Amino acid sequence: MHSKEAIQQALCARHGEKAQQKLSMGRVAIAGLGGLGSHVAFALARIGVGHLHLIDFDRVDLTNLNRQQYLLCHVGQYKTEALKAELLQINPYLDIVTSCTRVTEDNIHTLFTDESIICEAFDQPEAKALLVNGILEQFPEKNLVCASGMAGFGNSNAIRTRRIGKRFYLCGDEHSSLDDGLCLTAPRVSLCAAHQSNLIAQLLLEDEPVSI
């Protein structure tokens, strides 16, 4: 087992001490741990974001393995626990909190009180709308990073990051969906997740809202 100091020194060597200090102090909630959220969580854990709040009510299913950061051994496990165990294999000193629950209008305030950045990573439009409306109403001071449009095998360059409010950002092509007869695939979903996680890193490193 490597020491906390050794891991921190390795991260500082890659990112710079000043940047790593900000990343280590970061507090991010990820709502939805599927193709988007599991990839976002892996990216943030690898750059040493100090506090991650993992939120999902679902269990790992065999059909998740085409695009999500789980293995056959995780099938049947709650995504919160499976993902936490994986992330701690990357860095055992991260502060990882899990909430194995469905996000509702009644629990939004309780779930998202402690993090400054909230990553929306749901599959269903209804769940996305519920979270976005709840955060904008109850936590307008928090940064909200959402996703829309990542289905199929289409043009990689159509995936983009856009600022649509003072602290409200949207990643994706904003139109491709399962309703178009497309499927969710690892390459394009992970592209969108990379946009989300890269933006979250920017938000942690910069004192003001990111201009895009």
N, C-alpha and C. Protein backbone atom coordinates (compact mmCIF):
# COMPACT_ATOMS: atom_id res chain seq x y z
N MET A 1 0.83 -1.20 0.00
CA MET A 1 0.00 0.00 0.00
C MET A 1 0.87 1.25 0.00
N HIS A 2 0.66 2.11 -0.98
CA HIS A 2 1.40 3.36 -1.04
C HIS A 2 0.79 4.36 -0.05
N SER A 3 1.62 5.21 0.49
CA SER A 3 1.16 6.18 1.47
C SER A 3 0.37 7.29 0.79
N LYS A 4 -0.43 7.99 1.59
CA LYS A 4 -1.18 9.13 1.09
C LYS A 4 -0.23 10.19 0.56
N GLU A 5 0.88 10.40 1.26
CA GLU A 5 1.85 11.40 0.86
C GLU A 5 2.48 11.05 -0.49
N ALA A 6 2.77 9.78 -0.72
CA ALA A 6 3.39 9.35 -1.97
C ALA A 6 2.43 9.57 -3.14
N ILE A 7 1.16 9.23 -2.95
CA ILE A 7 0.17 9.43 -4.01
C ILE A 7 -0.01 10.92 -4.29
N GLN A 8 -0.04 11.72 -3.23
CA GLN A 8 -0.20 13.17 -3.42
C GLN A 8 1.00 13.76 -4.15
N GLN A 9 2.18 13.30 -3.82
CA GLN A 9 3.38 13.78 -4.49
C GLN A 9 3.36 13.42 -5.97
N ALA A 10 2.88 12.22 -6.29
CA ALA A 10 2.80 11.80 -7.69
C ALA A 10 1.81 12.67 -8.46
N LEU A 11 0.68 13.00 -7.84
CA LEU A 11 -0.30 13.87 -8.48
C LEU A 11 0.26 15.28 -8.67
N CYS A 12 0.95 15.78 -7.67
CA CYS A 12 1.56 17.11 -7.78
C CYS A 12 2.61 17.15 -8.89
N ALA A 13 3.34 16.05 -9.05
CA ALA A 13 4.35 15.99 -10.10
C ALA A 13 3.72 16.09 -11.48
N ARG A 14 2.50 15.59 -11.63
CA ARG A 14 1.81 15.61 -12.91
C ARG A 14 1.05 16.91 -13.14
N HIS A 15 0.42 17.43 -12.10
CA HIS A 15 -0.50 18.55 -12.27
C HIS A 15 0.03 19.89 -11.75
N GLY A 16 1.10 19.84 -10.98
CA GLY A 16 1.58 21.04 -10.31
C GLY A 16 0.97 21.15 -8.93
N GLU A 17 1.76 21.62 -7.97
CA GLU A 17 1.31 21.63 -6.58
C GLU A 17 0.11 22.54 -6.36
N LYS A 18 0.12 23.72 -6.97
CA LYS A 18 -0.97 24.68 -6.77
C LYS A 18 -2.28 24.13 -7.32
N ALA A 19 -2.23 23.57 -8.53
CA ALA A 19 -3.43 23.01 -9.14
C ALA A 19 -3.92 21.80 -8.34
N GLN A 20 -2.99 20.96 -7.90
CA GLN A 20 -3.40 19.77 -7.18
C GLN A 20 -4.04 20.10 -5.84
N GLN A 21 -3.58 21.16 -5.21
CA GLN A 21 -4.19 21.57 -3.95
C GLN A 21 -5.66 21.93 -4.16
N LYS A 22 -5.96 22.62 -5.25
CA LYS A 22 -7.34 22.97 -5.55
C LYS A 22 -8.18 21.73 -5.88
N LEU A 23 -7.60 20.82 -6.65
CA LEU A 23 -8.31 19.59 -6.99
C LEU A 23 -8.59 18.75 -5.74
N SER A 24 -7.61 18.68 -4.87
CA SER A 24 -7.77 17.89 -3.65
C SER A 24 -8.83 18.45 -2.72
N MET A 25 -9.05 19.76 -2.80
CA MET A 25 -10.07 20.40 -1.98
C MET A 25 -11.45 20.36 -2.64
N GLY A 26 -11.52 19.86 -3.87
CA GLY A 26 -12.77 19.86 -4.62
C GLY A 26 -13.83 18.95 -4.03
N ARG A 27 -15.08 19.38 -4.18
CA ARG A 27 -16.22 18.62 -3.68
C ARG A 27 -17.25 18.53 -4.81
N VAL A 28 -17.43 17.31 -5.33
CA VAL A 28 -18.28 17.10 -6.50
C VAL A 28 -19.29 16.00 -6.23
N ALA A 29 -20.55 16.27 -6.58
CA ALA A 29 -21.60 15.25 -6.52
C ALA A 29 -21.89 14.77 -7.93
N ILE A 30 -22.01 13.47 -8.10
CA ILE A 30 -22.34 12.88 -9.40
C ILE A 30 -23.66 12.14 -9.27
N ALA A 31 -24.68 12.63 -9.95
CA ALA A 31 -26.02 12.04 -9.88
C ALA A 31 -26.24 11.17 -11.11
N GLY A 32 -26.22 9.87 -10.90
CA GLY A 32 -26.31 8.91 -11.99
C GLY A 32 -24.95 8.31 -12.25
N LEU A 33 -24.82 6.99 -12.13
CA LEU A 33 -23.51 6.32 -12.22
C LEU A 33 -23.45 5.33 -13.37
N GLY A 34 -24.09 5.71 -14.49
CA GLY A 34 -24.08 4.87 -15.67
C GLY A 34 -22.94 5.23 -16.60
N GLY A 35 -23.25 5.28 -17.92
CA GLY A 35 -22.21 5.54 -18.90
C GLY A 35 -21.53 6.87 -18.71
N LEU A 36 -22.29 7.89 -18.36
CA LEU A 36 -21.71 9.20 -18.08
C LEU A 36 -21.05 9.24 -16.71
N GLY A 37 -21.84 9.00 -15.68
CA GLY A 37 -21.37 9.21 -14.31
C GLY A 37 -20.20 8.33 -13.90
N SER A 38 -20.19 7.07 -14.36
CA SER A 38 -19.08 6.20 -13.97
C SER A 38 -17.77 6.67 -14.61
N HIS A 39 -17.84 7.16 -15.86
CA HIS A 39 -16.64 7.68 -16.51
C HIS A 39 -16.19 9.00 -15.87
N VAL A 40 -17.13 9.86 -15.54
CA VAL A 40 -16.79 11.11 -14.86
C VAL A 40 -16.09 10.82 -13.53
N ALA A 41 -16.65 9.88 -12.78
CA ALA A 41 -16.08 9.54 -11.47
C ALA A 41 -14.65 9.02 -11.61
N PHE A 42 -14.40 8.17 -12.61
CA PHE A 42 -13.06 7.65 -12.83
C PHE A 42 -12.08 8.79 -13.15
N ALA A 43 -12.49 9.69 -14.04
CA ALA A 43 -11.61 10.79 -14.42
C ALA A 43 -11.29 11.68 -13.22
N LEU A 44 -12.29 12.00 -12.42
CA LEU A 44 -12.07 12.88 -11.27
C LEU A 44 -11.23 12.19 -10.19
N ALA A 45 -11.44 10.89 -10.01
CA ALA A 45 -10.61 10.16 -9.05
C ALA A 45 -9.15 10.14 -9.50
N ARG A 46 -8.92 9.98 -10.79
CA ARG A 46 -7.55 9.90 -11.30
C ARG A 46 -6.81 11.22 -11.15
N ILE A 47 -7.52 12.36 -11.22
CA ILE A 47 -6.83 13.64 -11.03
C ILE A 47 -6.84 14.07 -9.56
N GLY A 48 -7.37 13.22 -8.68
CA GLY A 48 -7.25 13.47 -7.26
C GLY A 48 -8.25 14.46 -6.69
N VAL A 49 -9.45 14.54 -7.28
CA VAL A 49 -10.49 15.36 -6.66
C VAL A 49 -10.83 14.73 -5.30
N GLY A 50 -10.70 15.52 -4.25
CA GLY A 50 -10.67 14.96 -2.91
C GLY A 50 -11.95 14.37 -2.37
N HIS A 51 -13.10 14.95 -2.75
CA HIS A 51 -14.38 14.49 -2.22
C HIS A 51 -15.34 14.23 -3.36
N LEU A 52 -15.85 12.99 -3.44
CA LEU A 52 -16.83 12.62 -4.44
C LEU A 52 -18.07 12.05 -3.76
N HIS A 53 -19.23 12.53 -4.18
CA HIS A 53 -20.51 12.03 -3.67
C HIS A 53 -21.20 11.29 -4.81
N LEU A 54 -21.30 9.97 -4.69
CA LEU A 54 -21.85 9.11 -5.73
C LEU A 54 -23.31 8.81 -5.44
N ILE A 55 -24.20 9.11 -6.39
CA ILE A 55 -25.64 8.98 -6.16
C ILE A 55 -26.28 8.14 -7.26
N ASP A 56 -26.90 7.04 -6.90
CA ASP A 56 -27.64 6.19 -7.83
C ASP A 56 -28.41 5.16 -7.01
N PHE A 57 -29.54 4.71 -7.54
CA PHE A 57 -30.35 3.72 -6.83
C PHE A 57 -30.25 2.34 -7.47
N ASP A 58 -29.59 2.23 -8.62
CA ASP A 58 -29.66 1.04 -9.45
C ASP A 58 -28.54 0.05 -9.14
N ARG A 59 -28.75 -1.19 -9.62
CA ARG A 59 -27.73 -2.23 -9.56
C ARG A 59 -27.08 -2.40 -10.93
N VAL A 60 -25.86 -2.91 -10.95
CA VAL A 60 -25.17 -3.19 -12.21
C VAL A 60 -25.86 -4.34 -12.91
N ASP A 61 -26.16 -4.13 -14.20
CA ASP A 61 -26.81 -5.14 -15.03
C ASP A 61 -25.86 -5.53 -16.17
N LEU A 62 -26.05 -6.73 -16.71
CA LEU A 62 -25.19 -7.20 -17.79
C LEU A 62 -25.21 -6.25 -18.97
N THR A 63 -26.36 -5.62 -19.22
CA THR A 63 -26.47 -4.70 -20.35
C THR A 63 -25.75 -3.38 -20.12
N ASN A 64 -25.27 -3.14 -18.91
CA ASN A 64 -24.51 -1.92 -18.62
C ASN A 64 -23.06 -2.01 -19.09
N LEU A 65 -22.57 -3.22 -19.32
CA LEU A 65 -21.14 -3.41 -19.53
C LEU A 65 -20.67 -2.91 -20.90
N ASN A 66 -21.60 -2.56 -21.79
CA ASN A 66 -21.18 -2.07 -23.10
C ASN A 66 -20.64 -0.65 -23.06
N ARG A 67 -20.90 0.09 -21.94
CA ARG A 67 -20.49 1.49 -21.93
C ARG A 67 -20.16 2.04 -20.54
N GLN A 68 -20.30 1.24 -19.50
CA GLN A 68 -20.12 1.74 -18.15
C GLN A 68 -18.89 1.12 -17.51
N GLN A 69 -18.34 1.79 -16.49
CA GLN A 69 -17.07 1.38 -15.88
C GLN A 69 -17.27 0.29 -14.83
N TYR A 70 -17.89 -0.81 -15.27
CA TYR A 70 -18.09 -1.95 -14.37
C TYR A 70 -17.59 -3.21 -15.05
N LEU A 71 -17.40 -4.26 -14.23
CA LEU A 71 -16.91 -5.54 -14.71
C LEU A 71 -17.95 -6.61 -14.45
N LEU A 72 -17.76 -7.79 -15.03
CA LEU A 72 -18.70 -8.89 -14.81
C LEU A 72 -18.89 -9.21 -13.33
N CYS A 73 -17.83 -9.06 -12.56
CA CYS A 73 -17.92 -9.38 -11.14
C CYS A 73 -18.83 -8.42 -10.38
N HIS A 74 -19.17 -7.27 -10.99
CA HIS A 74 -20.02 -6.29 -10.32
C HIS A 74 -21.50 -6.49 -10.61
N VAL A 75 -21.85 -7.36 -11.56
CA VAL A 75 -23.26 -7.55 -11.92
C VAL A 75 -24.05 -7.97 -10.68
N GLY A 76 -25.15 -7.25 -10.44
CA GLY A 76 -25.99 -7.51 -9.27
C GLY A 76 -25.68 -6.62 -8.08
N GLN A 77 -24.50 -5.99 -8.07
CA GLN A 77 -24.13 -5.08 -6.98
C GLN A 77 -24.75 -3.70 -7.22
N TYR A 78 -24.98 -2.97 -6.14
CA TYR A 78 -25.39 -1.58 -6.29
C TYR A 78 -24.25 -0.81 -6.94
N LYS A 79 -24.61 0.07 -7.87
CA LYS A 79 -23.60 0.84 -8.58
C LYS A 79 -22.79 1.71 -7.63
N THR A 80 -23.43 2.26 -6.62
CA THR A 80 -22.71 3.11 -5.66
C THR A 80 -21.56 2.35 -5.02
N GLU A 81 -21.82 1.12 -4.58
CA GLU A 81 -20.79 0.36 -3.87
C GLU A 81 -19.73 -0.18 -4.82
N ALA A 82 -20.16 -0.65 -6.00
CA ALA A 82 -19.20 -1.18 -6.97
C ALA A 82 -18.25 -0.09 -7.43
N LEU A 83 -18.80 1.09 -7.74
CA LEU A 83 -17.96 2.18 -8.23
C LEU A 83 -17.04 2.71 -7.14
N LYS A 84 -17.55 2.83 -5.93
CA LYS A 84 -16.69 3.27 -4.83
C LYS A 84 -15.50 2.35 -4.65
N ALA A 85 -15.73 1.04 -4.71
CA ALA A 85 -14.64 0.09 -4.54
C ALA A 85 -13.61 0.24 -5.65
N GLU A 86 -14.07 0.48 -6.88
CA GLU A 86 -13.14 0.67 -7.99
C GLU A 86 -12.30 1.94 -7.81
N LEU A 87 -12.95 3.01 -7.41
CA LEU A 87 -12.25 4.29 -7.27
C LEU A 87 -11.21 4.23 -6.16
N LEU A 88 -11.51 3.51 -5.10
CA LEU A 88 -10.55 3.38 -4.00
C LEU A 88 -9.35 2.53 -4.38
N GLN A 89 -9.47 1.75 -5.46
CA GLN A 89 -8.31 1.04 -5.98
C GLN A 89 -7.38 2.00 -6.71
N ILE A 90 -7.91 3.12 -7.18
CA ILE A 90 -7.10 4.16 -7.81
C ILE A 90 -6.42 5.01 -6.74
N ASN A 91 -7.21 5.44 -5.77
CA ASN A 91 -6.69 6.28 -4.68
C ASN A 91 -7.47 5.97 -3.41
N PRO A 92 -6.91 5.20 -2.51
CA PRO A 92 -7.63 4.78 -1.30
C PRO A 92 -7.85 5.90 -0.30
N TYR A 93 -7.29 7.08 -0.57
CA TYR A 93 -7.39 8.17 0.40
C TYR A 93 -8.43 9.22 0.00
N LEU A 94 -9.18 8.97 -1.08
CA LEU A 94 -10.26 9.87 -1.45
C LEU A 94 -11.39 9.77 -0.44
N ASP A 95 -12.09 10.87 -0.25
CA ASP A 95 -13.29 10.89 0.59
C ASP A 95 -14.48 10.64 -0.34
N ILE A 96 -15.00 9.41 -0.31
CA ILE A 96 -16.10 9.03 -1.20
C ILE A 96 -17.34 8.72 -0.36
N VAL A 97 -18.40 9.47 -0.61
CA VAL A 97 -19.67 9.28 0.07
C VAL A 97 -20.66 8.71 -0.94
N THR A 98 -21.49 7.76 -0.54
CA THR A 98 -22.47 7.18 -1.45
C THR A 98 -23.88 7.40 -0.92
N SER A 99 -24.81 7.61 -1.85
CA SER A 99 -26.24 7.68 -1.54
C SER A 99 -26.96 6.76 -2.51
N CYS A 100 -27.36 5.60 -2.01
CA CYS A 100 -28.06 4.61 -2.84
C CYS A 100 -29.55 4.93 -2.80
N THR A 101 -29.94 5.91 -3.61
CA THR A 101 -31.32 6.39 -3.58
C THR A 101 -31.66 7.05 -4.90
N ARG A 102 -32.94 7.15 -5.19
CA ARG A 102 -33.41 7.87 -6.37
C ARG A 102 -33.56 9.34 -6.01
N VAL A 103 -33.10 10.24 -6.87
CA VAL A 103 -33.25 11.67 -6.63
C VAL A 103 -34.70 12.07 -6.86
N THR A 104 -35.28 12.75 -5.88
CA THR A 104 -36.66 13.21 -5.96
C THR A 104 -36.73 14.68 -5.58
N GLU A 105 -37.88 15.28 -5.80
CA GLU A 105 -38.07 16.67 -5.38
C GLU A 105 -37.88 16.82 -3.88
N ASP A 106 -38.23 15.79 -3.13
CA ASP A 106 -38.19 15.87 -1.67
C ASP A 106 -36.79 15.75 -1.09
N ASN A 107 -35.86 15.08 -1.80
CA ASN A 107 -34.54 14.88 -1.20
C ASN A 107 -33.42 15.68 -1.85
N ILE A 108 -33.74 16.49 -2.85
CA ILE A 108 -32.69 17.27 -3.54
C ILE A 108 -31.92 18.14 -2.56
N HIS A 109 -32.61 18.83 -1.69
CA HIS A 109 -31.92 19.75 -0.78
C HIS A 109 -30.98 19.00 0.15
N THR A 110 -31.41 17.85 0.63
CA THR A 110 -30.57 17.06 1.54
C THR A 110 -29.37 16.46 0.81
N LEU A 111 -29.58 15.94 -0.40
CA LEU A 111 -28.52 15.25 -1.12
C LEU A 111 -27.38 16.17 -1.56
N PHE A 112 -27.70 17.39 -1.95
CA PHE A 112 -26.71 18.22 -2.63
C PHE A 112 -26.24 19.43 -1.81
N THR A 113 -26.41 19.37 -0.51
CA THR A 113 -26.02 20.49 0.34
C THR A 113 -24.50 20.67 0.41
N ASP A 114 -23.74 19.59 0.41
CA ASP A 114 -22.32 19.66 0.80
C ASP A 114 -21.34 19.80 -0.35
N GLU A 115 -21.79 19.77 -1.61
CA GLU A 115 -20.87 19.84 -2.74
C GLU A 115 -21.07 21.13 -3.52
N SER A 116 -19.97 21.67 -4.06
CA SER A 116 -20.04 22.94 -4.79
C SER A 116 -20.31 22.74 -6.28
N ILE A 117 -20.03 21.53 -6.80
CA ILE A 117 -20.29 21.23 -8.21
C ILE A 117 -21.16 19.98 -8.28
N ILE A 118 -22.19 20.04 -9.11
CA ILE A 118 -23.11 18.92 -9.27
C ILE A 118 -23.07 18.48 -10.72
N CYS A 119 -22.80 17.22 -10.94
CA CYS A 119 -22.77 16.64 -12.27
C CYS A 119 -24.04 15.83 -12.49
N GLU A 120 -24.84 16.24 -13.46
CA GLU A 120 -26.05 15.49 -13.84
C GLU A 120 -25.66 14.45 -14.87
N ALA A 121 -25.93 13.17 -14.59
CA ALA A 121 -25.50 12.09 -15.49
C ALA A 121 -26.60 11.03 -15.61
N PHE A 122 -27.84 11.48 -15.75
CA PHE A 122 -28.98 10.57 -15.87
C PHE A 122 -29.23 10.19 -17.32
N ASP A 123 -29.94 9.07 -17.52
CA ASP A 123 -30.35 8.63 -18.85
C ASP A 123 -31.69 9.23 -19.26
N GLN A 124 -32.60 9.32 -18.30
CA GLN A 124 -33.97 9.68 -18.61
C GLN A 124 -34.18 11.20 -18.59
N PRO A 125 -34.83 11.76 -19.63
CA PRO A 125 -35.09 13.21 -19.67
C PRO A 125 -35.85 13.73 -18.46
N GLU A 126 -36.79 12.92 -17.95
CA GLU A 126 -37.59 13.36 -16.80
C GLU A 126 -36.71 13.54 -15.57
N ALA A 127 -35.79 12.61 -15.37
CA ALA A 127 -34.88 12.71 -14.22
C ALA A 127 -33.94 13.90 -14.37
N LYS A 128 -33.48 14.14 -15.61
CA LYS A 128 -32.62 15.29 -15.87
C LYS A 128 -33.34 16.59 -15.52
N ALA A 129 -34.58 16.72 -16.01
CA ALA A 129 -35.35 17.95 -15.78
C ALA A 129 -35.62 18.16 -14.30
N LEU A 130 -35.93 17.09 -13.58
CA LEU A 130 -36.20 17.21 -12.15
C LEU A 130 -34.98 17.74 -11.42
N LEU A 131 -33.81 17.17 -11.73
CA LEU A 131 -32.59 17.60 -11.04
C LEU A 131 -32.23 19.03 -11.41
N VAL A 132 -32.26 19.35 -12.69
CA VAL A 132 -31.88 20.70 -13.13
C VAL A 132 -32.79 21.74 -12.49
N ASN A 133 -34.08 21.53 -12.55
CA ASN A 133 -35.01 22.50 -11.97
C ASN A 133 -34.81 22.64 -10.48
N GLY A 134 -34.57 21.52 -9.81
CA GLY A 134 -34.38 21.56 -8.36
C GLY A 134 -33.10 22.28 -7.96
N ILE A 135 -32.02 22.03 -8.68
CA ILE A 135 -30.75 22.68 -8.34
C ILE A 135 -30.81 24.17 -8.64
N LEU A 136 -31.34 24.54 -9.80
CA LEU A 136 -31.42 25.95 -10.15
C LEU A 136 -32.29 26.73 -9.16
N GLU A 137 -33.30 26.08 -8.63
CA GLU A 137 -34.19 26.74 -7.68
C GLU A 137 -33.60 26.79 -6.27
N GLN A 138 -33.03 25.67 -5.82
CA GLN A 138 -32.61 25.57 -4.42
C GLN A 138 -31.13 25.91 -4.21
N PHE A 139 -30.29 25.73 -5.25
CA PHE A 139 -28.85 25.97 -5.11
C PHE A 139 -28.31 26.79 -6.28
N PRO A 140 -28.80 28.00 -6.49
CA PRO A 140 -28.34 28.79 -7.64
C PRO A 140 -26.86 29.15 -7.57
N GLU A 141 -26.26 29.04 -6.38
CA GLU A 141 -24.85 29.39 -6.22
C GLU A 141 -23.92 28.25 -6.61
N LYS A 142 -24.45 27.06 -6.85
CA LYS A 142 -23.62 25.91 -7.18
C LYS A 142 -23.46 25.77 -8.69
N ASN A 143 -22.34 25.22 -9.12
CA ASN A 143 -22.12 24.94 -10.54
C ASN A 143 -22.82 23.63 -10.91
N LEU A 144 -23.56 23.65 -12.01
CA LEU A 144 -24.32 22.49 -12.47
C LEU A 144 -23.83 22.12 -13.87
N VAL A 145 -23.35 20.87 -14.00
CA VAL A 145 -22.79 20.39 -15.27
C VAL A 145 -23.67 19.25 -15.77
N CYS A 146 -24.39 19.49 -16.87
CA CYS A 146 -25.36 18.53 -17.38
C CYS A 146 -24.92 17.98 -18.73
N ALA A 147 -25.68 17.00 -19.23
CA ALA A 147 -25.37 16.38 -20.52
C ALA A 147 -26.66 16.12 -21.29
N SER A 148 -26.58 16.30 -22.61
CA SER A 148 -27.72 16.01 -23.49
C SER A 148 -27.22 15.73 -24.89
N GLY A 149 -27.54 14.54 -25.42
CA GLY A 149 -27.17 14.20 -26.78
C GLY A 149 -25.81 13.55 -26.90
N MET A 150 -25.78 12.20 -26.82
CA MET A 150 -24.53 11.47 -26.97
C MET A 150 -24.74 10.09 -27.56
N ALA A 151 -25.92 9.87 -28.17
CA ALA A 151 -26.28 8.54 -28.67
C ALA A 151 -25.62 8.25 -30.01
N GLY A 152 -25.51 6.97 -30.32
CA GLY A 152 -25.03 6.53 -31.61
C GLY A 152 -23.52 6.52 -31.75
N PHE A 153 -23.07 6.49 -33.02
CA PHE A 153 -21.65 6.48 -33.35
C PHE A 153 -21.28 7.72 -34.16
N GLY A 154 -22.03 8.79 -34.01
CA GLY A 154 -21.91 9.95 -34.89
C GLY A 154 -20.65 10.77 -34.70
N ASN A 155 -20.66 11.91 -35.35
CA ASN A 155 -19.54 12.84 -35.40
C ASN A 155 -19.03 13.19 -34.01
N SER A 156 -17.77 12.88 -33.75
CA SER A 156 -17.18 13.19 -32.44
C SER A 156 -17.15 14.68 -32.18
N ASN A 157 -16.93 15.46 -33.23
CA ASN A 157 -16.79 16.90 -33.07
C ASN A 157 -18.11 17.60 -32.78
N ALA A 158 -19.22 16.87 -32.90
CA ALA A 158 -20.51 17.47 -32.56
C ALA A 158 -20.72 17.55 -31.05
N ILE A 159 -19.96 16.76 -30.30
CA ILE A 159 -20.01 16.84 -28.84
C ILE A 159 -19.29 18.11 -28.42
N ARG A 160 -19.94 18.96 -27.68
CA ARG A 160 -19.35 20.24 -27.28
C ARG A 160 -19.78 20.59 -25.86
N THR A 161 -19.16 21.60 -25.30
CA THR A 161 -19.52 22.14 -23.99
C THR A 161 -20.02 23.56 -24.18
N ARG A 162 -21.16 23.85 -23.57
CA ARG A 162 -21.75 25.17 -23.74
C ARG A 162 -22.24 25.70 -22.39
N ARG A 163 -21.99 26.97 -22.14
CA ARG A 163 -22.49 27.63 -20.93
C ARG A 163 -23.85 28.24 -21.26
N ILE A 164 -24.88 27.83 -20.52
CA ILE A 164 -26.22 28.32 -20.82
C ILE A 164 -26.82 29.14 -19.68
N GLY A 165 -26.07 29.34 -18.63
CA GLY A 165 -26.48 30.18 -17.50
C GLY A 165 -25.24 30.56 -16.74
N LYS A 166 -25.39 31.40 -15.71
CA LYS A 166 -24.23 31.86 -14.97
C LYS A 166 -23.39 30.71 -14.45
N ARG A 167 -24.04 29.69 -13.91
CA ARG A 167 -23.32 28.52 -13.37
C ARG A 167 -23.94 27.21 -13.90
N PHE A 168 -24.48 27.26 -15.09
CA PHE A 168 -25.20 26.13 -15.68
C PHE A 168 -24.56 25.81 -17.03
N TYR A 169 -24.05 24.57 -17.16
CA TYR A 169 -23.32 24.16 -18.36
C TYR A 169 -23.94 22.89 -18.94
N LEU A 170 -23.83 22.76 -20.26
CA LEU A 170 -24.40 21.61 -20.95
C LEU A 170 -23.37 21.01 -21.89
N CYS A 171 -23.16 19.69 -21.79
CA CYS A 171 -22.23 18.97 -22.65
C CYS A 171 -23.00 17.97 -23.52
N GLY A 172 -22.58 17.82 -24.76
CA GLY A 172 -23.22 16.89 -25.68
C GLY A 172 -23.53 17.55 -27.01
N ASP A 173 -24.22 16.81 -27.92
CA ASP A 173 -24.61 17.41 -29.18
C ASP A 173 -26.01 18.02 -29.11
N GLU A 174 -26.70 17.76 -27.99
CA GLU A 174 -27.99 18.36 -27.64
C GLU A 174 -29.16 17.86 -28.48
N HIS A 175 -28.97 16.78 -29.27
CA HIS A 175 -30.13 16.30 -30.03
C HIS A 175 -30.19 14.78 -30.19
N SER A 176 -29.06 14.08 -30.34
CA SER A 176 -29.13 12.63 -30.58
C SER A 176 -29.64 11.91 -29.33
N SER A 177 -30.56 10.95 -29.55
CA SER A 177 -31.16 10.25 -28.41
C SER A 177 -31.65 8.87 -28.84
N LEU A 178 -32.06 8.10 -27.85
CA LEU A 178 -32.63 6.78 -28.12
C LEU A 178 -33.91 6.88 -28.93
N ASP A 179 -34.62 8.01 -28.81
CA ASP A 179 -35.85 8.21 -29.56
C ASP A 179 -35.61 8.26 -31.06
N ASP A 180 -34.37 8.53 -31.46
CA ASP A 180 -34.01 8.58 -32.88
C ASP A 180 -33.65 7.19 -33.42
N GLY A 181 -33.83 6.16 -32.61
CA GLY A 181 -33.47 4.81 -33.01
C GLY A 181 -32.00 4.51 -32.84
N LEU A 182 -31.29 5.38 -32.11
CA LEU A 182 -29.86 5.20 -31.88
C LEU A 182 -29.63 4.43 -30.58
N CYS A 183 -28.44 3.92 -30.41
CA CYS A 183 -28.08 3.21 -29.18
C CYS A 183 -27.04 4.03 -28.41
N LEU A 184 -26.88 3.68 -27.14
CA LEU A 184 -25.84 4.30 -26.32
C LEU A 184 -24.59 3.44 -26.38
N THR A 185 -23.48 4.02 -26.81
CA THR A 185 -22.24 3.26 -27.01
C THR A 185 -21.10 3.87 -26.21
N ALA A 186 -20.14 3.03 -25.86
CA ALA A 186 -19.02 3.48 -25.03
C ALA A 186 -18.25 4.66 -25.64
N PRO A 187 -17.91 4.63 -26.95
CA PRO A 187 -17.08 5.74 -27.46
C PRO A 187 -17.74 7.11 -27.32
N ARG A 188 -19.00 7.23 -27.75
CA ARG A 188 -19.61 8.56 -27.77
C ARG A 188 -20.06 9.00 -26.38
N VAL A 189 -20.54 8.07 -25.58
CA VAL A 189 -20.91 8.41 -24.21
C VAL A 189 -19.70 8.86 -23.42
N SER A 190 -18.58 8.16 -23.60
CA SER A 190 -17.38 8.54 -22.86
C SER A 190 -16.81 9.87 -23.35
N LEU A 191 -17.02 10.22 -24.63
CA LEU A 191 -16.64 11.54 -25.12
C LEU A 191 -17.38 12.63 -24.36
N CYS A 192 -18.68 12.43 -24.20
CA CYS A 192 -19.48 13.42 -23.47
C CYS A 192 -19.07 13.48 -22.01
N ALA A 193 -18.80 12.33 -21.41
CA ALA A 193 -18.35 12.29 -20.02
C ALA A 193 -17.01 13.00 -19.86
N ALA A 194 -16.15 12.88 -20.87
CA ALA A 194 -14.86 13.58 -20.81
C ALA A 194 -15.07 15.09 -20.83
N HIS A 195 -16.03 15.56 -21.63
CA HIS A 195 -16.35 16.99 -21.62
C HIS A 195 -16.80 17.41 -20.22
N GLN A 196 -17.66 16.61 -19.60
CA GLN A 196 -18.15 16.96 -18.27
C GLN A 196 -17.02 16.99 -17.25
N SER A 197 -16.20 15.97 -17.23
CA SER A 197 -15.14 15.89 -16.22
C SER A 197 -14.07 16.95 -16.45
N ASN A 198 -13.77 17.26 -17.72
CA ASN A 198 -12.79 18.31 -18.00
C ASN A 198 -13.31 19.67 -17.55
N LEU A 199 -14.60 19.92 -17.79
CA LEU A 199 -15.19 21.18 -17.33
C LEU A 199 -15.18 21.26 -15.81
N ILE A 200 -15.50 20.16 -15.15
CA ILE A 200 -15.48 20.15 -13.68
C ILE A 200 -14.09 20.49 -13.16
N ALA A 201 -13.06 19.93 -13.80
CA ALA A 201 -11.69 20.26 -13.41
C ALA A 201 -11.42 21.75 -13.59
N GLN A 202 -11.87 22.33 -14.71
CA GLN A 202 -11.72 23.77 -14.94
C GLN A 202 -12.40 24.58 -13.83
N LEU A 203 -13.61 24.18 -13.49
CA LEU A 203 -14.35 24.91 -12.47
C LEU A 203 -13.65 24.86 -11.12
N LEU A 204 -13.02 23.74 -10.81
CA LEU A 204 -12.28 23.62 -9.56
C LEU A 204 -11.01 24.47 -9.55
N LEU A 205 -10.42 24.62 -10.72
CA LEU A 205 -9.14 25.33 -10.82
C LEU A 205 -9.30 26.84 -10.98
N GLU A 206 -10.46 27.28 -11.48
CA GLU A 206 -10.67 28.70 -11.71
C GLU A 206 -11.64 29.26 -10.66
N ASP A 207 -11.40 30.47 -10.24
CA ASP A 207 -12.20 31.07 -9.16
C ASP A 207 -13.55 31.59 -9.66
N GLU A 208 -13.66 31.90 -10.95
CA GLU A 208 -14.88 32.46 -11.51
C GLU A 208 -15.54 31.43 -12.42
N PRO A 209 -16.82 31.59 -12.73
CA PRO A 209 -17.46 30.70 -13.71
C PRO A 209 -16.68 30.67 -15.02
N VAL A 210 -16.60 29.49 -15.63
CA VAL A 210 -15.81 29.31 -16.84
C VAL A 210 -16.53 29.95 -18.02
N SER A 211 -15.81 30.73 -18.80
CA SER A 211 -16.36 31.33 -20.02
C SER A 211 -16.15 30.38 -21.19
N ILE A 212 -17.22 30.05 -21.89
CA ILE A 212 -17.13 29.11 -23.01
C ILE A 212 -17.81 29.72 -24.23
